[in-house]
Each structure stands twice: as structure tokens, then as C-alpha cells.
């Protein structure tokens, strides 16, 4: 050791006085305290695809349900032969074929609006009866969203309750309830709809009944599996030992901890229900003409697809955007609620 350093005397004056509060502040390195939902929101905002999908869904919902104030339902079924099979025309897009009201015939672009009164436009064209395709697409989107909302309702009203009861009771009750789900799941939804047609005519009622019978089974299974795990947690056992009723335990402890699974599964149920309705209407056993839905529009459009492809492309594009948006939103919510599951 250096001789000079060993001769230095250490006194209280050799130290600089630091206040107690300053010491704690200097050592404070933790970030701000955030709740679970605040963390979820931060993770969700970082997923740009999910945010954009949420915005698209909100816009489509507003347009679909807000259209009831300016779309006359009678115009959706009333034919206007003088406007039959007109292509899309947007004001100010005269330079763009496909949106300028021109149609290609024998290799030549001709103006299909030559005999249409000036100032009258159809932004998505018309169908074979002269009805506005844009209005019918918006109304069909509303029908698809209604079916999706109904499917989500049955998931929440039946699937969640059924799953909690099955997982909480356990034993023989759980075995019986799970065998019932297996029986329901083994019957294809298409068969259920066909059986509904024996009693009811084709329409949204048959689709809703089919969803009421079979759409909630996946939700019930997932809720039941998670409930089996949660009911052995210490806070649930403590609530039971304190004499809390089963209903209060379910509402105060189980459902809040099941909320992420409920939200995520609901987001995946919605696009499945939308496709289910479109498929049934496309093959003719769902909603039928003159009523409209995206499936009905696809069915009508494919008949003239070779000559008038826009009649099928527009409803197909809306259906694809709707389903992709809900799937991306579901992926974003899954990653936000369960960051450990991210790959």
C-alpha cells in the first residue's frame, strides 16, 4: 500500500452529507406502476396490424348500422331494369377504367352510362335488376355483423356459464356435461341448419338457431379447462373457506381471471360465424333472395362473373376484409393479454 495513503486520517468532515430523501431518489430505478389493463393497452397499441384492424371494424360497423338512416329497404328489393348491370362510376375518376362507368366490350371500352341521366352514379355499380350494389353490400355486411353478434352472445351467455359450471363441479357432473358437448360437436353445423329448414323456411332465423345449438362448444371447453386450474388457486380456496357463495366466487374471482380467454375466443368466433352465414347463403340454404347478404351477393355475382366480374369482386373483397380484420384483431388481443404466448 502507498505510504502517503496510509498516513491519511479519515474524519467525519471527509464525507459529504447527503439527505436521506436524496439517497432514496438516487437508488430508485423502478418504472411507474401499471395495472394489468394498462399493460394490455400498451402491448395492443404496439401491434399496428391489430390497431388498423380495429379501426377498420369500427368504420364498417358504423357504416353498416348507420346506413339504416339513409338506405331505404324497399330500394334493396325494388328492380330498376333501366339501370341493370351498370359498372362502378366515381365522380372525378374519368381517367381510371373500372371506376369511370365504362365497360369493355369486344376489346373496346364503351360508356355504359350514356343513357343514364346526368349526375347519377353508382359507386359499386348495379346488379342484373338495376339495384345499387353498394347499398346491397352495406346491408349484407349488416346482416353478417348481426349474425356475428348473435354468435358472440351465445358464446358469452351459454359457453362461459356452461364451462364454469362443468369445471367447478367436476366429477360426474363434469363427465356428463362434457359428453353432451362431444355429442353436439360431432354433428356438423350444416346438418343442424338442414334440420332447421324442415321446420323453418330459409333465413336468418335458421342460422341463429344453428349457432345457438353448436357455436358455444369451443368456448365452453376452454373455459372449463381454465376453471379446473383456477379453482385450486389459493385465493379461490380462501374465498371458499370464508363461506363465499359459488356465484360470488365465479363473478369476483373466476370471470375476471377468465376475461382474456373470453375476449380472445369471442374474436375468433365472430369471423367463423360470418363465414358460416356467407357459405349457407351462397349455397342457397341461408338467407335467400330478394333479401340480401354477402353470401347472396356472391351467389348472384358468380353467375355473371365471366362478363361482369365486379358484381362478385366487391362483396368478396368486403367479406375478406371483414374476416381478416377480425382475425388480426384476435391475434393482437391474444398477444396483448398473454405476452408469454408470443413466438
Protein backbone atom coordinates (compact mmCIF):
# COMPACT_ATOMS: atom_id res chain seq x y z
CA UNK A 1 0.00 0.00 0.00
CA UNK A 2 1.24 3.50 -0.72
CA UNK A 3 2.88 5.09 2.37
CA UNK A 4 1.22 8.51 1.80
CA UNK A 5 -2.22 6.95 1.52
CA UNK A 6 -1.76 5.03 4.77
CA UNK A 7 -1.00 8.26 6.66
CA UNK A 8 -4.27 9.98 5.59
CA UNK A 9 -6.61 10.40 8.53
CA UNK A 10 -10.34 9.86 7.82
CA UNK A 11 -12.58 12.25 9.72
CA UNK A 12 -16.33 12.93 9.55
CA UNK A 13 -15.52 16.04 7.53
CA UNK A 14 -14.06 13.82 4.80
CA UNK A 15 -17.59 12.74 3.79
CA UNK A 16 -20.18 14.83 2.00
CA UNK A 17 -23.52 14.95 3.76
CA UNK A 18 -26.40 13.54 1.70
CA UNK A 19 -30.02 13.89 2.74
CA UNK A 20 -31.99 10.71 3.28
CA UNK A 21 -34.54 11.58 0.63
CA UNK A 22 -31.79 12.21 -1.94
CA UNK A 23 -30.33 8.75 -1.27
CA UNK A 24 -33.67 7.05 -1.89
CA UNK A 25 -34.19 9.07 -5.03
CA UNK A 26 -30.76 8.14 -6.38
CA UNK A 27 -31.41 4.45 -5.82
CA UNK A 28 -34.96 4.49 -7.24
CA UNK A 29 -34.73 2.61 -10.57
CA UNK A 30 -38.20 1.03 -10.92
CA UNK A 31 -40.64 2.29 -13.55
CA UNK A 32 -44.14 3.62 -12.98
CA UNK A 33 -46.66 1.16 -11.57
CA UNK A 34 -49.07 -0.04 -14.28
CA UNK A 35 -52.22 -2.06 -13.92
CA UNK A 36 -52.85 -5.22 -15.92
CA UNK A 37 -55.19 -3.46 -18.36
CA UNK A 38 -52.69 -0.61 -18.85
CA UNK A 39 -50.04 -3.17 -19.79
CA UNK A 40 -52.52 -4.83 -22.14
CA UNK A 41 -53.29 -1.49 -23.81
CA UNK A 42 -49.59 -0.68 -24.26
CA UNK A 43 -48.90 -4.06 -25.86
CA UNK A 44 -52.01 -3.80 -28.03
CA UNK A 45 -51.04 -0.34 -29.32
CA UNK A 46 -47.63 -1.66 -30.33
CA UNK A 47 -49.32 -4.14 -32.70
CA UNK A 48 -50.02 -1.94 -35.72
CA UNK A 49 -51.93 -4.63 -37.62
CA UNK A 50 -54.35 -5.12 -34.72
CA UNK A 51 -54.89 -1.38 -34.30
CA UNK A 52 -55.59 -0.89 -38.02
CA UNK A 53 -57.94 -3.88 -37.96
CA UNK A 54 -59.83 -2.41 -35.00
CA UNK A 55 -60.24 0.90 -36.87
CA UNK A 56 -61.48 -0.92 -39.99
CA UNK A 57 -64.00 -2.91 -37.97
CA UNK A 58 -65.30 0.21 -36.20
CA UNK A 59 -65.71 2.02 -39.54
CA UNK A 60 -67.54 -0.94 -41.09
CA UNK A 61 -69.83 -1.29 -38.08
CA UNK A 62 -70.69 2.41 -38.13
CA UNK A 63 -71.41 2.38 -41.87
CA UNK A 64 -73.38 -0.88 -41.76
CA UNK A 65 -75.66 0.03 -38.86
CA UNK A 66 -75.75 3.76 -39.58
CA UNK A 67 -76.95 3.09 -43.11
CA UNK A 68 -80.45 2.35 -41.80
CA UNK A 69 -80.99 6.14 -41.66
CA UNK A 70 -80.30 6.72 -45.36
CA UNK A 71 -80.86 3.37 -47.12
CA UNK A 72 -84.48 2.63 -47.91
CA UNK A 73 -85.10 -1.09 -47.50
CA UNK A 74 -87.62 -1.03 -50.34
CA UNK A 75 -84.88 0.08 -52.75
CA UNK A 76 -82.90 -3.04 -51.88
CA UNK A 77 -85.53 -5.29 -53.49
CA UNK A 78 -87.14 -2.92 -55.99
CA UNK A 79 -85.87 -3.52 -59.51
CA UNK A 80 -84.90 -0.78 -61.99
CA UNK A 81 -84.25 -2.52 -65.33
CA UNK A 82 -83.08 0.73 -66.99
CA UNK A 83 -80.02 0.68 -64.72
CA UNK A 84 -79.24 -3.05 -64.99
CA UNK A 85 -75.60 -4.21 -64.96
CA UNK A 86 -74.01 -0.77 -64.77
CA UNK A 87 -70.33 -0.72 -63.75
CA UNK A 88 -68.96 1.40 -60.93
CA UNK A 89 -68.62 5.13 -61.56
CA UNK A 90 -66.94 7.63 -59.24
CA UNK A 91 -67.06 11.33 -59.81
CA UNK A 92 -63.65 12.69 -60.75
CA UNK A 93 -62.23 9.31 -61.85
CA UNK A 94 -62.93 9.63 -65.57
CA UNK A 95 -59.30 8.72 -66.25
CA UNK A 96 -59.43 5.34 -64.49
CA UNK A 97 -61.09 2.42 -66.27
CA UNK A 98 -63.16 0.42 -63.83
CA UNK A 99 -64.29 3.48 -61.89
CA UNK A 100 -65.35 5.73 -64.78
CA UNK A 101 -68.54 3.95 -65.80
CA UNK A 102 -67.00 2.28 -68.84
CA UNK A 103 -67.19 -1.40 -69.65
CA UNK A 104 -65.03 -3.39 -72.03
CA UNK A 105 -66.97 -4.94 -74.92
CA UNK A 106 -65.22 -6.70 -77.80
CA UNK A 107 -61.94 -5.18 -76.67
CA UNK A 108 -63.28 -1.61 -76.69
CA UNK A 109 -64.12 0.49 -73.61
CA UNK A 110 -67.64 1.91 -74.00
CA UNK A 111 -69.56 4.26 -71.73
CA UNK A 112 -72.31 2.27 -70.01
CA UNK A 113 -73.80 5.47 -68.57
CA UNK A 114 -74.62 7.00 -71.97
CA UNK A 115 -78.37 6.52 -71.45
CA UNK A 116 -78.30 7.27 -67.70
CA UNK A 117 -79.42 10.74 -66.53
CA UNK A 118 -76.52 13.11 -65.93
CA UNK A 119 -75.28 13.24 -62.36
CA UNK A 120 -76.47 9.73 -61.43
CA UNK A 121 -73.68 7.47 -60.19
CA UNK A 122 -73.39 4.00 -58.69
CA UNK A 123 -70.14 3.74 -56.77
CA UNK A 124 -70.16 -0.07 -56.92
CA UNK A 125 -72.34 -0.50 -59.99
CA UNK A 126 -75.68 -2.29 -60.17
CA UNK A 127 -76.84 -5.89 -60.35
CA UNK A 128 -78.86 -7.62 -63.06
CA UNK A 129 -82.08 -5.97 -61.78
CA UNK A 130 -80.63 -2.46 -61.62
CA UNK A 131 -80.33 -2.34 -57.83
CA UNK A 132 -77.44 -0.44 -56.24
CA UNK A 133 -74.70 -2.91 -55.44
CA UNK A 134 -73.16 -0.60 -52.83
CA UNK A 135 -76.39 -0.41 -50.85
CA UNK A 136 -76.85 -4.17 -51.02
CA UNK A 137 -73.26 -4.77 -49.88
CA UNK A 138 -73.71 -2.42 -46.91
CA UNK A 139 -76.98 -4.12 -45.96
CA UNK A 140 -75.37 -7.56 -46.42
CA UNK A 141 -72.50 -6.50 -44.16
CA UNK A 142 -75.05 -5.52 -41.51
CA UNK A 143 -76.62 -9.00 -41.74
CA UNK A 144 -73.20 -10.63 -41.38
CA UNK A 145 -72.39 -8.48 -38.34
CA UNK A 146 -75.77 -9.29 -36.76
CA UNK A 147 -75.02 -12.99 -37.14
CA UNK A 148 -71.57 -12.40 -35.64
CA UNK A 149 -73.06 -10.53 -32.66
CA UNK A 150 -75.55 -13.35 -32.08
CA UNK A 151 -72.76 -15.93 -32.16
CA UNK A 152 -70.75 -13.86 -29.67
CA UNK A 153 -73.82 -13.58 -27.43
CA UNK A 154 -74.28 -17.35 -27.32
CA UNK A 155 -70.57 -17.79 -26.61
CA UNK A 156 -70.88 -15.47 -23.61
CA UNK A 157 -74.32 -16.49 -22.37
CA UNK A 158 -74.05 -20.27 -22.80
CA UNK A 159 -70.38 -21.15 -23.35
CA UNK A 160 -68.96 -19.23 -20.38
CA UNK A 161 -71.64 -20.36 -17.90
CA UNK A 162 -71.52 -23.96 -19.13
CA UNK A 163 -67.74 -24.12 -18.93
CA UNK A 164 -67.56 -22.63 -15.43
CA UNK A 165 -70.22 -24.98 -14.07
CA UNK A 166 -68.58 -28.02 -15.67
CA UNK A 167 -65.10 -27.17 -14.39
CA UNK A 168 -66.26 -26.07 -10.94
CA UNK A 169 -68.48 -29.07 -10.20
CA UNK A 170 -66.13 -31.70 -11.61
CA UNK A 171 -66.75 -35.40 -11.05
CA UNK A 172 -69.85 -36.98 -12.55
CA UNK A 173 -71.39 -33.60 -13.41
CA UNK A 174 -68.32 -32.66 -15.46
CA UNK A 175 -68.30 -36.03 -17.24
CA UNK A 176 -71.95 -35.77 -18.23
CA UNK A 177 -71.62 -32.16 -19.40
CA UNK A 178 -68.53 -32.96 -21.47
CA UNK A 179 -70.24 -35.92 -23.13
CA UNK A 180 -73.08 -33.57 -24.12
CA UNK A 181 -70.57 -31.20 -25.72
CA UNK A 182 -68.97 -34.10 -27.60
CA UNK A 183 -72.35 -35.15 -28.97
CA UNK A 184 -73.16 -31.61 -30.11
CA UNK A 185 -69.70 -31.12 -31.63
CA UNK A 186 -69.97 -34.38 -33.56
CA UNK A 187 -72.97 -33.06 -35.51
CA UNK A 188 -71.90 -30.77 -38.38
CA UNK A 189 -73.46 -27.32 -38.26
CA UNK A 190 -74.64 -27.78 -41.84
CA UNK A 191 -76.74 -30.77 -40.78
CA UNK A 192 -78.28 -28.71 -37.99
CA UNK A 193 -79.25 -25.97 -40.47
CA UNK A 194 -80.80 -28.53 -42.82
CA UNK A 195 -82.82 -29.93 -39.93
CA UNK A 196 -83.93 -26.39 -39.07
CA UNK A 197 -85.20 -25.99 -42.64
CA UNK A 198 -87.61 -28.86 -42.06
CA UNK A 199 -89.40 -26.68 -39.51
CA UNK A 200 -88.49 -23.16 -40.64
CA UNK A 201 -88.03 -21.51 -44.01
CA UNK A 202 -84.53 -20.44 -45.12
CA UNK A 203 -83.45 -17.23 -43.44
CA UNK A 204 -81.58 -15.67 -40.59
CA UNK A 205 -83.76 -17.45 -38.00
CA UNK A 206 -82.46 -20.86 -39.09
CA UNK A 207 -78.87 -19.62 -38.95
CA UNK A 208 -79.35 -18.15 -35.47
CA UNK A 209 -80.86 -21.39 -34.15
CA UNK A 210 -77.99 -23.40 -35.62
CA UNK A 211 -75.49 -21.07 -33.91
CA UNK A 212 -77.44 -21.31 -30.65
CA UNK A 213 -77.11 -25.08 -30.73
CA UNK A 214 -73.48 -25.51 -31.72
CA UNK A 215 -71.43 -22.29 -31.70
CA UNK A 216 -70.65 -22.16 -27.97
CA UNK A 217 -68.97 -25.56 -27.51
CA UNK A 218 -65.40 -24.35 -28.15
CA UNK A 219 -65.78 -21.53 -25.64
CA UNK A 220 -67.22 -23.94 -23.05
CA UNK A 221 -64.28 -26.32 -23.40
CA UNK A 222 -61.66 -23.61 -22.99
CA UNK A 223 -63.44 -22.04 -20.00
CA UNK A 224 -63.85 -25.45 -18.38
CA UNK A 225 -60.14 -26.26 -18.75
CA UNK A 226 -59.09 -22.94 -17.23
CA UNK A 227 -61.65 -23.22 -14.43
CA UNK A 228 -60.20 -26.61 -13.41
CA UNK A 229 -56.90 -24.82 -12.86
CA UNK A 230 -58.23 -21.69 -11.20
CA UNK A 231 -60.45 -23.43 -8.65
CA UNK A 232 -57.33 -24.78 -6.90
CA UNK A 233 -55.68 -21.39 -6.58
CA UNK A 234 -55.10 -20.08 -3.04
CA UNK A 235 -57.38 -17.04 -3.36
CA UNK A 236 -60.26 -19.25 -4.51
CA UNK A 237 -59.68 -21.73 -1.68
CA UNK A 238 -59.56 -18.82 0.77
CA UNK A 239 -62.87 -17.48 -0.54
CA UNK A 240 -64.46 -20.91 -0.17
CA UNK A 241 -63.15 -21.29 3.38
CA UNK A 242 -64.66 -17.89 4.24
CA UNK A 243 -68.06 -19.14 3.14
CA UNK A 244 -68.39 -17.18 -0.11
CA UNK A 245 -71.16 -18.49 -2.37
CA UNK A 246 -70.29 -20.18 -5.65
CA UNK A 247 -71.93 -17.33 -7.60
CA UNK A 248 -69.79 -14.69 -5.86
CA UNK A 249 -66.62 -16.70 -6.38
CA UNK A 250 -67.45 -17.05 -10.07
CA UNK A 251 -68.19 -13.34 -10.55
CA UNK A 252 -65.42 -11.93 -8.32
CA UNK A 253 -62.58 -14.38 -8.96
CA UNK A 254 -63.17 -16.71 -11.88
CA UNK A 255 -64.66 -14.46 -14.57
CA UNK A 256 -62.09 -11.63 -14.10
CA UNK A 257 -59.27 -14.17 -14.49
CA UNK A 258 -61.03 -15.75 -17.46
CA UNK A 259 -61.61 -12.42 -19.21
CA UNK A 260 -58.62 -12.75 -21.55
CA UNK A 261 -59.74 -16.17 -22.78
CA UNK A 262 -63.31 -14.94 -23.17
CA UNK A 263 -62.32 -11.89 -25.22
CA UNK A 264 -59.86 -13.76 -27.44
CA UNK A 265 -62.18 -16.68 -28.17
CA UNK A 266 -65.03 -14.28 -28.95
CA UNK A 267 -62.85 -12.51 -31.52
CA UNK A 268 -62.23 -15.86 -33.23
CA UNK A 269 -65.88 -16.89 -33.07
CA UNK A 270 -67.04 -13.79 -34.96
CA UNK A 271 -65.25 -14.42 -38.30
CA UNK A 272 -66.27 -18.09 -38.16
CA UNK A 273 -69.91 -17.04 -37.80
CA UNK A 274 -69.59 -14.51 -40.64
CA UNK A 275 -68.17 -17.16 -42.97
CA UNK A 276 -70.81 -19.67 -41.83
CA UNK A 277 -73.63 -17.30 -42.81
CA UNK A 278 -71.99 -16.39 -46.13
CA UNK A 279 -71.44 -20.05 -47.00
CA UNK A 280 -75.03 -21.04 -46.20
CA UNK A 281 -76.44 -18.12 -48.19
CA UNK A 282 -74.10 -18.87 -51.09
CA UNK A 283 -75.33 -22.46 -51.43
CA UNK A 284 -78.95 -21.33 -51.07
CA UNK A 285 -80.00 -22.61 -47.64
CA UNK A 286 -79.34 -19.44 -45.67
CA UNK A 287 -80.74 -16.02 -46.46
CA UNK A 288 -82.40 -16.10 -49.87
CA UNK A 289 -83.35 -13.51 -52.49
CA UNK A 290 -84.86 -10.94 -52.59
CA UNK A 291 -83.28 -10.45 -49.15
CA UNK A 292 -79.56 -9.85 -49.31
CA UNK A 293 -76.37 -10.79 -47.53
CA UNK A 294 -72.76 -11.12 -48.59
CA UNK A 295 -73.35 -14.79 -49.40
CA UNK A 296 -76.38 -13.96 -51.56
CA UNK A 297 -74.38 -11.31 -53.42
CA UNK A 298 -71.56 -13.78 -54.04
CA UNK A 299 -74.07 -16.31 -55.36
CA UNK A 300 -75.59 -13.76 -57.74
CA UNK A 301 -72.21 -12.37 -58.77
CA UNK A 302 -70.65 -15.68 -59.71
CA UNK A 303 -73.38 -16.25 -62.31
CA UNK A 304 -72.15 -13.24 -64.32
CA UNK A 305 -68.51 -13.39 -63.23
CA UNK A 306 -67.15 -14.01 -66.72
CA UNK A 307 -68.73 -10.86 -68.16
CA UNK A 308 -69.35 -8.64 -65.09
CA UNK A 309 -66.69 -9.64 -62.55
CA UNK A 310 -67.23 -6.56 -60.35
CA UNK A 311 -70.58 -7.99 -59.18
CA UNK A 312 -68.65 -10.70 -57.36
CA UNK A 313 -65.36 -8.93 -56.62
CA UNK A 314 -66.86 -6.18 -54.44
CA UNK A 315 -68.82 -8.38 -51.98
CA UNK A 316 -65.93 -10.86 -51.93
CA UNK A 317 -63.50 -8.06 -51.04
CA UNK A 318 -65.73 -6.81 -48.22
CA UNK A 319 -66.11 -10.34 -46.83
CA UNK A 320 -62.34 -10.92 -46.96
CA UNK A 321 -61.53 -7.58 -45.30
CA UNK A 322 -64.09 -8.25 -42.56
CA UNK A 323 -62.77 -11.72 -41.75
CA UNK A 324 -59.09 -10.76 -41.96
CA UNK A 325 -59.66 -7.73 -39.73
CA UNK A 326 -61.36 -9.81 -37.02
CA UNK A 327 -58.63 -12.48 -37.19
CA UNK A 328 -55.84 -9.91 -36.92
CA UNK A 329 -57.66 -8.21 -34.05
CA UNK A 330 -57.97 -11.57 -32.32
CA UNK A 331 -54.24 -12.20 -32.76
CA UNK A 332 -53.45 -8.76 -31.35
CA UNK A 333 -55.67 -9.30 -28.32
CA UNK A 334 -54.15 -12.73 -27.72
CA UNK A 335 -50.63 -11.27 -27.73
CA UNK A 336 -51.71 -8.35 -25.53
CA UNK A 337 -53.41 -10.48 -22.89
CA UNK A 338 -50.87 -13.31 -22.97
CA UNK A 339 -47.39 -11.94 -23.81
CA UNK A 340 -45.80 -15.20 -22.69
CA UNK A 341 -47.55 -16.94 -25.59
CA UNK A 342 -45.86 -14.78 -28.20
CA UNK A 343 -43.46 -16.57 -30.52
